[in-house]
Structures are given as structure tokens and as C-alpha cells.
């Protein structure tokens, strides 16, 4: 399946006075992420610096399927995270390390 670079960010319910692991429903969100990693949906994931955004590298068939699956994250309906963008990602360097197929060489 193709890879996608996904940006999510803190939503309106995010409590800036609390750390990431102290947000509401942390355990449920962490379990959701662990399941997604185990089944190969999440290839890489983590916050960008100390800011409000998170980068996810996702293995999925299309943006609609990815968006639907992100709706299953317990933090989404709670307003703790929202999806900013879902962009197809062509990996030119390191594709094999990610288990992705590199694009064909130009003719």
C-alpha cells in the first residue's frame, strides 16, 4: 500500500496545562496507537518538536480510508486531536527500511 504523511494537531479540548500523557483518555489513545502499529497502519508517529503537531507515516490505501480510521482514535471525538492534512508520500531514500516499494527509475 502507499505511504501517507499525516499531520494531526491538538484540538480545542487539549489541556495545555497538562503533558501529553496526562491528557484525558491517554490509556485508550495509547492502546489505539499500539494496535495501529501492530497491524502496520502506523509506520512512524510522534510529536514535532514540543509544538502542537504530530507527524504520522501511515500505510493505507487512500486518504478517505485513513481519515475514517483516524476517527476511531479515542482522542478524535473528545476534541483532543484533529487531522490537518493527509498527503501521499513518495519515499525516494530509505523506502526499503520502511518496507515501502521505491518508485520506478525514470526511463
Protein backbone atom coordinates (compact mmCIF):
# COMPACT_ATOMS: atom_id res chain seq x y z
CA UNK A 1 0.00 0.00 0.00
CA UNK A 2 1.11 3.58 -0.45
CA UNK A 3 2.50 5.66 2.37
CA UNK A 4 0.96 8.92 3.55
CA UNK A 5 2.36 11.74 5.66
CA UNK A 6 -0.34 12.85 8.06
CA UNK A 7 -0.30 15.91 10.26
CA UNK A 8 -2.56 15.98 13.29
CA UNK A 9 -2.65 18.71 15.90
CA UNK A 10 -4.01 19.45 19.31
CA UNK A 11 -7.74 20.10 19.21
CA UNK A 12 -9.89 22.55 21.16
CA UNK A 13 -10.19 20.23 24.19
CA UNK A 14 -6.42 19.87 24.60
CA UNK A 15 -5.42 20.95 28.11
CA UNK A 16 -2.22 22.94 27.66
CA UNK A 17 -1.60 22.78 31.41
CA UNK A 18 -1.11 19.01 31.13
CA UNK A 19 1.53 16.92 29.40
CA UNK A 20 0.60 14.61 26.52
CA UNK A 21 0.44 11.55 28.79
CA UNK A 22 -1.78 13.38 31.29
CA UNK A 23 -4.50 14.27 28.75
CA UNK A 24 -7.93 12.67 29.13
CA UNK A 25 -8.20 9.09 27.84
CA UNK A 26 -4.42 8.72 27.43
CA UNK A 27 -4.56 4.95 28.03
CA UNK A 28 -7.27 4.45 25.39
CA UNK A 29 -5.37 6.62 22.87
CA UNK A 30 -2.10 4.76 23.57
CA UNK A 31 -3.86 1.39 23.10
CA UNK A 32 -5.32 2.61 19.78
CA UNK A 33 -1.85 3.68 18.61
CA UNK A 34 -0.31 0.37 19.73
CA UNK A 35 -2.95 -1.60 17.77
CA UNK A 36 -2.30 0.54 14.70
CA UNK A 37 1.42 -0.06 14.93
CA UNK A 38 0.93 -3.80 15.43
CA UNK A 39 -1.22 -4.14 12.30
CA UNK A 40 1.12 -1.99 10.18
CA UNK A 41 -1.16 1.03 9.80
CA UNK A 42 1.16 3.38 11.72
CA UNK A 43 4.70 3.10 10.39
CA UNK A 44 6.12 6.06 12.33
CA UNK A 45 4.45 8.53 14.68
CA UNK A 46 5.42 11.27 17.08
CA UNK A 47 5.12 14.92 18.03
CA UNK A 48 7.00 17.55 16.05
CA UNK A 49 9.35 19.29 18.49
CA UNK A 50 7.42 20.48 21.54
CA UNK A 51 4.66 22.01 19.45
CA UNK A 52 1.02 21.12 18.92
CA UNK A 53 1.52 18.99 15.80
CA UNK A 54 2.16 15.28 15.35
CA UNK A 55 3.57 13.59 12.24
CA UNK A 56 2.27 10.15 11.32
CA UNK A 57 3.56 7.99 8.49
CA UNK A 58 0.66 5.75 7.60
CA UNK A 59 0.37 2.75 5.32
CA UNK A 60 -3.10 2.87 3.80
CA UNK A 61 -4.95 2.55 0.51
CA UNK A 62 -6.26 6.12 0.28
CA UNK A 63 -6.91 9.31 2.23
CA UNK A 64 -10.59 8.52 2.86
CA UNK A 65 -9.76 5.19 4.49
CA UNK A 66 -7.05 6.81 6.60
CA UNK A 67 -9.36 9.63 7.70
CA UNK A 68 -12.02 7.09 8.72
CA UNK A 69 -9.52 5.07 10.71
CA UNK A 70 -8.22 8.18 12.49
CA UNK A 71 -11.80 8.88 13.56
CA UNK A 72 -11.52 5.69 15.65
CA UNK A 73 -8.80 7.27 17.81
CA UNK A 74 -10.47 7.98 21.19
CA UNK A 75 -8.86 11.42 21.18
CA UNK A 76 -10.66 12.45 17.97
CA UNK A 77 -14.27 12.58 19.24
CA UNK A 78 -13.03 14.08 22.52
CA UNK A 79 -11.61 17.03 20.56
CA UNK A 80 -8.04 16.35 21.70
CA UNK A 81 -6.67 15.75 18.19
CA UNK A 82 -7.77 16.82 14.74
CA UNK A 83 -6.41 15.89 11.34
CA UNK A 84 -4.80 18.78 9.47
CA UNK A 85 -3.58 17.02 6.32
CA UNK A 86 -3.24 13.62 4.67
CA UNK A 87 -0.69 13.69 1.86
CA UNK A 88 0.61 10.83 -0.32
CA UNK A 89 4.33 10.40 0.31
CA UNK A 90 6.79 9.15 -2.29
CA UNK A 91 9.82 7.87 -0.42
CA UNK A 92 12.97 8.28 -2.50
CA UNK A 93 15.56 7.47 0.16
CA UNK A 94 15.06 4.78 2.78
CA UNK A 95 11.98 3.17 1.22
CA UNK A 96 13.23 -0.35 1.85
CA UNK A 97 13.83 0.43 5.54
CA UNK A 98 10.18 1.43 5.78
CA UNK A 99 9.07 -1.66 3.89
CA UNK A 100 7.87 0.52 1.02
CA UNK A 101 8.48 -0.05 -2.65
CA UNK A 102 10.72 2.67 -4.13
CA UNK A 103 9.32 4.46 -7.17
CA UNK A 104 10.49 3.17 -10.54
CA UNK A 105 13.57 4.86 -12.02
CA UNK A 106 12.80 7.37 -14.78
CA UNK A 107 13.07 5.98 -18.29
